[in-house]
């Protein structure tokens, strides 16, 4: 059943996005003025503000559905994050016996010792382009 709803949704999206092929549709010429659009939007907002007073049951059920969908989206995002973390995590190689006995401070020590080891020759650029001297008397 859920498959049919998804199929109908995506089919509707495709049908809306397809070009129509004709210049005119029905009695209107396809032009919508800004004043008409603003008037219609304000009427819709005004109508939606009073919806929960007219249909309190629909609002409570809609709120429950939205909350449930939020929880599902959060759980799905957490599962995706954990999966990607597991797949993309660096894999360590070596024996477990020797590394299991070392502490976290011992593992971090080589990283601290290797900081700032570049010499000035390492920091110097490898290549410089030709030096161009601009003659103030010649225009560019």
N, C-alpha and C. Protein backbone atom coordinates (compact mmCIF):
# COMPACT_ATOMS: atom_id res chain seq x y z
N UNK A 1 0.83 -1.19 0.00
CA UNK A 1 0.00 0.00 0.00
C UNK A 1 0.87 1.26 0.00
N UNK A 2 1.92 1.26 0.85
CA UNK A 2 2.80 2.41 0.92
C UNK A 2 3.54 2.59 -0.41
N UNK A 3 3.83 1.49 -1.10
CA UNK A 3 4.47 1.56 -2.40
C UNK A 3 3.58 2.32 -3.39
N UNK A 4 2.29 2.06 -3.35
CA UNK A 4 1.38 2.75 -4.27
C UNK A 4 1.30 4.24 -3.97
N UNK A 5 1.34 4.61 -2.69
CA UNK A 5 1.32 6.03 -2.34
C UNK A 5 2.59 6.72 -2.83
N UNK A 6 3.74 6.08 -2.65
CA UNK A 6 5.00 6.66 -3.13
C UNK A 6 4.99 6.78 -4.65
N UNK A 7 4.49 5.74 -5.32
CA UNK A 7 4.42 5.76 -6.77
C UNK A 7 3.52 6.90 -7.26
N UNK A 8 2.38 7.08 -6.61
CA UNK A 8 1.47 8.16 -6.99
C UNK A 8 2.11 9.52 -6.74
N UNK A 9 2.84 9.67 -5.64
CA UNK A 9 3.49 10.94 -5.34
C UNK A 9 4.53 11.28 -6.41
N UNK A 10 5.43 10.35 -6.69
CA UNK A 10 6.49 10.65 -7.65
C UNK A 10 5.93 10.80 -9.07
N UNK A 11 4.90 10.05 -9.40
CA UNK A 11 4.27 10.22 -10.71
C UNK A 11 3.63 11.60 -10.82
N UNK A 12 3.01 12.06 -9.73
CA UNK A 12 2.44 13.40 -9.73
C UNK A 12 3.50 14.47 -9.88
N UNK A 13 4.65 14.31 -9.22
CA UNK A 13 5.75 15.27 -9.36
C UNK A 13 6.24 15.31 -10.80
N UNK A 14 6.39 14.14 -11.42
CA UNK A 14 6.85 14.09 -12.81
C UNK A 14 5.85 14.76 -13.73
N UNK A 15 4.56 14.50 -13.52
CA UNK A 15 3.54 15.10 -14.38
C UNK A 15 3.48 16.61 -14.23
N UNK A 16 3.72 17.11 -13.03
CA UNK A 16 3.72 18.56 -12.82
C UNK A 16 4.90 19.22 -13.52
N UNK A 17 6.03 18.54 -13.53
CA UNK A 17 7.24 19.13 -14.11
C UNK A 17 7.36 18.97 -15.61
N UNK A 18 6.54 18.13 -16.22
CA UNK A 18 6.61 17.96 -17.67
C UNK A 18 6.12 19.22 -18.38
N UNK A 19 6.73 19.57 -19.51
CA UNK A 19 6.24 20.73 -20.27
C UNK A 19 4.88 20.41 -20.88
N UNK A 20 4.06 21.45 -21.02
CA UNK A 20 2.69 21.24 -21.51
C UNK A 20 2.60 21.24 -23.01
N UNK A 21 3.40 22.01 -23.70
CA UNK A 21 3.40 22.01 -25.15
C UNK A 21 2.45 22.99 -25.78
N UNK A 22 1.58 23.62 -25.03
CA UNK A 22 0.68 24.62 -25.61
C UNK A 22 0.83 25.93 -24.86
N UNK A 23 0.48 27.01 -25.55
CA UNK A 23 0.66 28.34 -24.96
C UNK A 23 -0.48 28.72 -24.03
N UNK A 24 -1.70 28.26 -24.31
CA UNK A 24 -2.84 28.67 -23.49
C UNK A 24 -3.47 27.45 -22.84
N UNK A 25 -3.98 27.65 -21.64
CA UNK A 25 -4.64 26.59 -20.89
C UNK A 25 -6.00 27.11 -20.44
N UNK A 26 -7.05 26.53 -20.95
CA UNK A 26 -8.39 26.90 -20.51
C UNK A 26 -8.75 28.32 -20.91
N UNK A 27 -9.50 29.00 -20.02
CA UNK A 27 -10.00 30.34 -20.31
C UNK A 27 -8.98 31.42 -19.99
N UNK A 28 -8.00 31.13 -19.14
CA UNK A 28 -7.02 32.15 -18.77
C UNK A 28 -5.87 32.15 -19.75
N UNK A 29 -5.16 33.24 -19.76
CA UNK A 29 -4.02 33.35 -20.67
C UNK A 29 -2.72 32.99 -19.96
N UNK A 30 -2.75 32.48 -18.74
CA UNK A 30 -1.56 32.03 -18.04
C UNK A 30 -0.86 33.11 -17.25
N UNK A 31 -1.35 34.33 -17.28
CA UNK A 31 -0.71 35.40 -16.53
C UNK A 31 -1.34 35.52 -15.15
N UNK A 32 -0.49 35.58 -14.15
CA UNK A 32 -0.95 35.79 -12.78
C UNK A 32 -0.28 37.07 -12.29
N UNK A 33 -1.08 38.02 -11.92
CA UNK A 33 -0.55 39.29 -11.46
C UNK A 33 -0.13 39.17 -9.99
N UNK A 34 0.80 39.99 -9.58
CA UNK A 34 1.34 39.93 -8.23
C UNK A 34 0.25 40.21 -7.19
N UNK A 35 -0.63 41.15 -7.48
CA UNK A 35 -1.69 41.46 -6.53
C UNK A 35 -2.62 40.27 -6.32
N UNK A 36 -2.91 39.54 -7.41
CA UNK A 36 -3.76 38.36 -7.30
C UNK A 36 -3.08 37.26 -6.48
N UNK A 37 -1.79 37.08 -6.71
CA UNK A 37 -1.05 36.05 -5.97
C UNK A 37 -0.98 36.38 -4.49
N UNK A 38 -0.74 37.65 -4.15
CA UNK A 38 -0.68 38.05 -2.75
C UNK A 38 -2.04 37.90 -2.09
N UNK A 39 -3.09 38.26 -2.79
CA UNK A 39 -4.44 38.13 -2.26
C UNK A 39 -4.78 36.66 -1.99
N UNK A 40 -4.43 35.79 -2.93
CA UNK A 40 -4.72 34.36 -2.75
C UNK A 40 -3.90 33.78 -1.61
N UNK A 41 -2.63 34.18 -1.48
CA UNK A 41 -1.79 33.67 -0.40
C UNK A 41 -2.30 34.13 0.95
N UNK A 42 -2.71 35.39 1.06
CA UNK A 42 -3.21 35.87 2.35
C UNK A 42 -4.53 35.19 2.71
N UNK A 43 -5.39 34.93 1.73
CA UNK A 43 -6.64 34.22 2.01
C UNK A 43 -6.36 32.79 2.47
N UNK A 44 -5.37 32.16 1.88
CA UNK A 44 -5.01 30.79 2.26
C UNK A 44 -4.46 30.75 3.68
N UNK A 45 -3.60 31.70 4.02
CA UNK A 45 -3.04 31.76 5.37
C UNK A 45 -4.15 32.02 6.38
N UNK A 46 -5.06 32.92 6.06
CA UNK A 46 -6.18 33.21 6.96
C UNK A 46 -7.04 31.97 7.16
N UNK A 47 -7.27 31.21 6.10
CA UNK A 47 -8.07 30.00 6.21
C UNK A 47 -7.34 28.93 7.02
N UNK A 48 -6.03 28.82 6.85
CA UNK A 48 -5.28 27.81 7.59
C UNK A 48 -5.16 28.13 9.07
N UNK A 49 -5.21 29.39 9.42
CA UNK A 49 -5.14 29.76 10.84
C UNK A 49 -6.34 29.23 11.61
N UNK A 50 -7.49 29.17 10.98
CA UNK A 50 -8.70 28.71 11.65
C UNK A 50 -8.97 27.23 11.47
N UNK A 51 -8.07 26.50 10.82
CA UNK A 51 -8.32 25.09 10.54
C UNK A 51 -8.39 24.26 11.81
N UNK A 52 -7.48 24.51 12.75
CA UNK A 52 -7.45 23.69 13.96
C UNK A 52 -8.67 23.95 14.86
N UNK A 53 -9.27 25.13 14.78
CA UNK A 53 -10.49 25.38 15.56
C UNK A 53 -11.67 24.67 14.91
N UNK A 54 -11.66 24.56 13.57
CA UNK A 54 -12.75 23.86 12.88
C UNK A 54 -12.60 22.35 12.98
N UNK A 55 -11.37 21.84 12.88
CA UNK A 55 -11.11 20.41 12.89
C UNK A 55 -10.03 20.06 13.92
N UNK A 56 -10.37 20.05 15.23
CA UNK A 56 -9.34 19.76 16.24
C UNK A 56 -8.80 18.33 16.17
N UNK A 57 -9.64 17.38 15.76
CA UNK A 57 -9.19 16.00 15.65
C UNK A 57 -8.13 15.85 14.56
N UNK A 58 -8.35 16.50 13.43
CA UNK A 58 -7.38 16.43 12.33
C UNK A 58 -6.06 17.05 12.74
N UNK A 59 -6.10 18.14 13.50
CA UNK A 59 -4.86 18.78 13.94
C UNK A 59 -4.10 17.90 14.93
N UNK A 60 -4.80 17.25 15.84
CA UNK A 60 -4.10 16.40 16.82
C UNK A 60 -3.48 15.18 16.13
N UNK A 61 -4.21 14.59 15.20
CA UNK A 61 -3.66 13.44 14.47
C UNK A 61 -2.49 13.89 13.60
N UNK A 62 -2.61 15.03 12.95
CA UNK A 62 -1.51 15.55 12.13
C UNK A 62 -0.28 15.86 12.97
N UNK A 63 -0.50 16.37 14.16
CA UNK A 63 0.62 16.65 15.06
C UNK A 63 1.31 15.36 15.48
N UNK A 64 0.52 14.33 15.79
CA UNK A 64 1.10 13.04 16.16
C UNK A 64 1.88 12.43 15.00
N UNK A 65 1.35 12.54 13.80
CA UNK A 65 2.04 12.00 12.63
C UNK A 65 3.34 12.76 12.39
N UNK A 66 3.30 14.08 12.50
CA UNK A 66 4.51 14.87 12.28
C UNK A 66 5.58 14.54 13.33
N UNK A 67 5.16 14.35 14.57
CA UNK A 67 6.11 13.99 15.63
C UNK A 67 6.72 12.62 15.36
N UNK A 68 5.87 11.67 14.96
CA UNK A 68 6.35 10.32 14.66
C UNK A 68 7.32 10.34 13.48
N UNK A 69 7.00 11.12 12.45
CA UNK A 69 7.90 11.22 11.29
C UNK A 69 9.22 11.86 11.68
N UNK A 70 9.17 12.81 12.59
CA UNK A 70 10.40 13.43 13.07
C UNK A 70 11.28 12.43 13.80
N UNK A 71 10.67 11.59 14.65
CA UNK A 71 11.43 10.56 15.36
C UNK A 71 12.03 9.55 14.38
N UNK A 72 11.25 9.18 13.37
CA UNK A 72 11.76 8.23 12.38
C UNK A 72 12.91 8.84 11.59
N UNK A 73 12.78 10.11 11.22
CA UNK A 73 13.86 10.77 10.48
C UNK A 73 15.11 10.86 11.33
N UNK A 74 14.94 11.15 12.62
CA UNK A 74 16.09 11.22 13.53
C UNK A 74 16.76 9.85 13.66
N UNK A 75 15.97 8.81 13.80
CA UNK A 75 16.53 7.46 13.91
C UNK A 75 17.22 7.05 12.62
N UNK A 76 16.64 7.40 11.48
CA UNK A 76 17.26 7.08 10.20
C UNK A 76 18.56 7.83 10.00
N UNK A 77 18.60 9.10 10.41
CA UNK A 77 19.84 9.88 10.30
C UNK A 77 20.91 9.30 11.21
N UNK A 78 20.52 8.83 12.39
CA UNK A 78 21.49 8.24 13.31
C UNK A 78 22.04 6.94 12.73
N UNK A 79 21.17 6.11 12.15
CA UNK A 79 21.63 4.87 11.53
C UNK A 79 22.57 5.16 10.37
N UNK A 80 22.24 6.14 9.54
CA UNK A 80 23.09 6.49 8.42
C UNK A 80 24.44 7.02 8.89
N UNK A 81 24.44 7.84 9.93
CA UNK A 81 25.68 8.37 10.47
C UNK A 81 26.56 7.24 11.01
N UNK A 82 25.97 6.31 11.75
CA UNK A 82 26.74 5.20 12.30
C UNK A 82 27.28 4.31 11.19
N UNK A 83 26.48 4.07 10.16
CA UNK A 83 26.94 3.25 9.05
C UNK A 83 28.10 3.90 8.32
N UNK A 84 27.96 5.20 8.01
CA UNK A 84 29.04 5.90 7.31
C UNK A 84 30.29 6.01 8.18
N UNK A 85 30.11 6.20 9.48
CA UNK A 85 31.27 6.25 10.37
C UNK A 85 32.00 4.92 10.38
N UNK A 86 31.25 3.84 10.36
CA UNK A 86 31.87 2.52 10.37
C UNK A 86 32.57 2.22 9.05
N UNK A 87 31.96 2.59 7.94
CA UNK A 87 32.52 2.30 6.62
C UNK A 87 33.74 3.18 6.34
N UNK A 88 33.66 4.45 6.68
CA UNK A 88 34.72 5.39 6.34
C UNK A 88 35.79 5.53 7.41
N UNK A 89 35.66 4.82 8.53
CA UNK A 89 36.64 4.92 9.61
C UNK A 89 37.97 4.32 9.16
N UNK A 90 39.09 4.92 9.58
CA UNK A 90 40.38 4.34 9.20
C UNK A 90 40.58 2.99 9.90
N UNK A 91 41.14 2.08 9.15
CA UNK A 91 41.37 0.75 9.70
C UNK A 91 42.83 0.66 10.15
N UNK A 92 43.03 0.24 11.40
CA UNK A 92 44.38 0.09 11.93
C UNK A 92 44.86 -1.33 11.67
N UNK A 93 46.15 -1.45 11.37
CA UNK A 93 46.73 -2.76 11.17
C UNK A 93 47.79 -2.99 12.23
N UNK A 94 48.13 -4.21 12.45
CA UNK A 94 49.15 -4.53 13.44
C UNK A 94 48.61 -5.54 14.42
N UNK A 95 49.46 -5.98 15.31
CA UNK A 95 49.05 -6.97 16.28
C UNK A 95 48.32 -6.30 17.44
N UNK A 96 47.37 -6.98 17.99
CA UNK A 96 46.60 -6.44 19.10
C UNK A 96 47.35 -6.59 20.41
N UNK A 97 48.22 -7.57 20.54
CA UNK A 97 48.91 -7.82 21.80
C UNK A 97 49.80 -6.65 22.20
N UNK A 98 50.57 -6.12 21.28
CA UNK A 98 51.47 -5.03 21.61
C UNK A 98 50.75 -3.72 21.81
N UNK A 99 49.71 -3.47 21.05
CA UNK A 99 49.00 -2.19 21.13
C UNK A 99 48.01 -2.16 22.28
N UNK A 100 47.53 -3.29 22.71
CA UNK A 100 46.53 -3.31 23.77
C UNK A 100 47.13 -2.88 25.09
N UNK A 101 48.42 -3.11 25.28
CA UNK A 101 49.05 -2.77 26.55
C UNK A 101 49.40 -1.29 26.65
N UNK A 102 49.49 -0.59 25.53
CA UNK A 102 49.87 0.82 25.57
C UNK A 102 48.66 1.67 25.93
N UNK A 103 48.93 2.77 26.59
CA UNK A 103 47.84 3.66 27.00
C UNK A 103 47.59 4.69 25.91
N UNK A 104 46.52 5.45 26.09
CA UNK A 104 46.18 6.48 25.12
C UNK A 104 47.22 7.59 25.10
N UNK A 105 47.83 7.88 26.23
CA UNK A 105 48.86 8.91 26.28
C UNK A 105 50.10 8.48 25.52
N UNK A 106 50.43 7.18 25.57
CA UNK A 106 51.58 6.68 24.84
C UNK A 106 51.34 6.74 23.33
N UNK A 107 50.08 6.52 22.91
CA UNK A 107 49.77 6.58 21.48
C UNK A 107 49.83 8.01 20.97
N UNK A 108 49.48 8.99 21.80
CA UNK A 108 49.46 10.38 21.37
C UNK A 108 50.84 11.01 21.41
N UNK A 109 51.79 10.43 22.13
CA UNK A 109 53.12 11.02 22.28
C UNK A 109 53.85 11.17 20.95
N UNK A 110 53.85 10.18 20.03
CA UNK A 110 54.55 10.38 18.77
C UNK A 110 53.96 11.53 17.95
N UNK A 111 52.69 11.76 18.08
CA UNK A 111 52.08 12.87 17.34
C UNK A 111 52.59 14.21 17.85
N UNK A 112 52.76 14.34 19.15
CA UNK A 112 53.25 15.60 19.70
C UNK A 112 54.72 15.83 19.34
N UNK A 113 55.51 14.75 19.28
CA UNK A 113 56.93 14.89 18.97
C UNK A 113 57.16 15.27 17.52
N UNK A 114 56.24 14.95 16.64
CA UNK A 114 56.46 15.18 15.22
C UNK A 114 56.00 16.57 14.77
N UNK A 115 55.54 17.41 15.63
CA UNK A 115 55.08 18.74 15.26
C UNK A 115 56.26 19.67 15.04
N UNK A 116 56.13 20.60 14.10
CA UNK A 116 57.11 21.64 13.80
C UNK A 116 58.48 21.06 13.48
N UNK A 117 58.54 20.10 12.59
CA UNK A 117 59.81 19.48 12.22
C UNK A 117 60.33 19.96 10.87
N UNK A 118 59.64 20.87 10.21
CA UNK A 118 60.10 21.35 8.91
C UNK A 118 61.24 22.34 9.09
N UNK A 119 62.21 22.24 8.21
CA UNK A 119 63.33 23.17 8.23
C UNK A 119 62.98 24.39 7.38
N UNK A 120 63.71 25.49 7.50
CA UNK A 120 63.44 26.65 6.63
C UNK A 120 63.55 26.31 5.15
N UNK A 121 64.44 25.39 4.79
CA UNK A 121 64.54 24.99 3.38
C UNK A 121 63.28 24.26 2.93
N UNK A 122 62.64 23.50 3.84
CA UNK A 122 61.39 22.82 3.50
C UNK A 122 60.25 23.82 3.31
N UNK A 123 60.28 24.90 4.05
CA UNK A 123 59.21 25.89 3.99
C UNK A 123 59.35 26.84 2.80
N UNK A 124 60.55 26.94 2.21
CA UNK A 124 60.77 27.85 1.09
C UNK A 124 60.05 27.32 -0.14
N UNK A 125 59.47 28.22 -0.95
CA UNK A 125 58.80 27.77 -2.18
C UNK A 125 59.80 27.10 -3.11
N UNK A 126 59.34 26.10 -3.83
CA UNK A 126 60.23 25.32 -4.69
C UNK A 126 60.60 26.08 -5.97
N UNK A 127 59.74 26.97 -6.44
CA UNK A 127 59.99 27.62 -7.72
C UNK A 127 59.39 29.01 -7.70
N UNK A 128 60.08 29.94 -8.28
CA UNK A 128 59.58 31.30 -8.45
C UNK A 128 59.52 31.59 -9.94
N UNK A 129 58.51 32.27 -10.36
CA UNK A 129 58.42 32.68 -11.76
C UNK A 129 59.46 33.74 -12.06
N UNK A 130 59.61 34.10 -13.32
CA UNK A 130 60.59 35.13 -13.67
C UNK A 130 60.18 36.46 -13.06
N UNK A 131 61.16 37.20 -12.64
CA UNK A 131 60.92 38.50 -12.04
C UNK A 131 60.65 39.49 -13.16
N UNK A 132 59.51 40.16 -13.08
CA UNK A 132 59.13 41.13 -14.10
C UNK A 132 59.29 42.52 -13.51
N UNK A 133 60.15 43.32 -14.13
CA UNK A 133 60.34 44.68 -13.70
C UNK A 133 59.49 45.57 -14.59
N UNK A 134 58.62 46.32 -13.99
CA UNK A 134 57.73 47.18 -14.76
C UNK A 134 58.42 48.51 -15.02
N UNK A 135 58.41 48.91 -16.25
CA UNK A 135 58.96 50.19 -16.65
C UNK A 135 57.85 51.22 -16.52
N UNK A 136 58.00 52.23 -15.65
CA UNK A 136 56.92 53.20 -15.48
C UNK A 136 56.67 54.03 -16.74
N UNK A 137 57.62 54.03 -17.67
CA UNK A 137 57.42 54.83 -18.88
C UNK A 137 56.63 54.08 -19.94
N UNK A 138 56.52 52.74 -19.83
CA UNK A 138 55.80 51.96 -20.83
C UNK A 138 54.42 51.60 -20.32
N UNK A 139 53.39 51.86 -21.07
CA UNK A 139 52.05 51.43 -20.64
C UNK A 139 51.90 49.91 -20.83
N UNK A 140 51.04 49.35 -20.05
CA UNK A 140 50.83 47.90 -20.11
C UNK A 140 49.88 47.53 -21.22
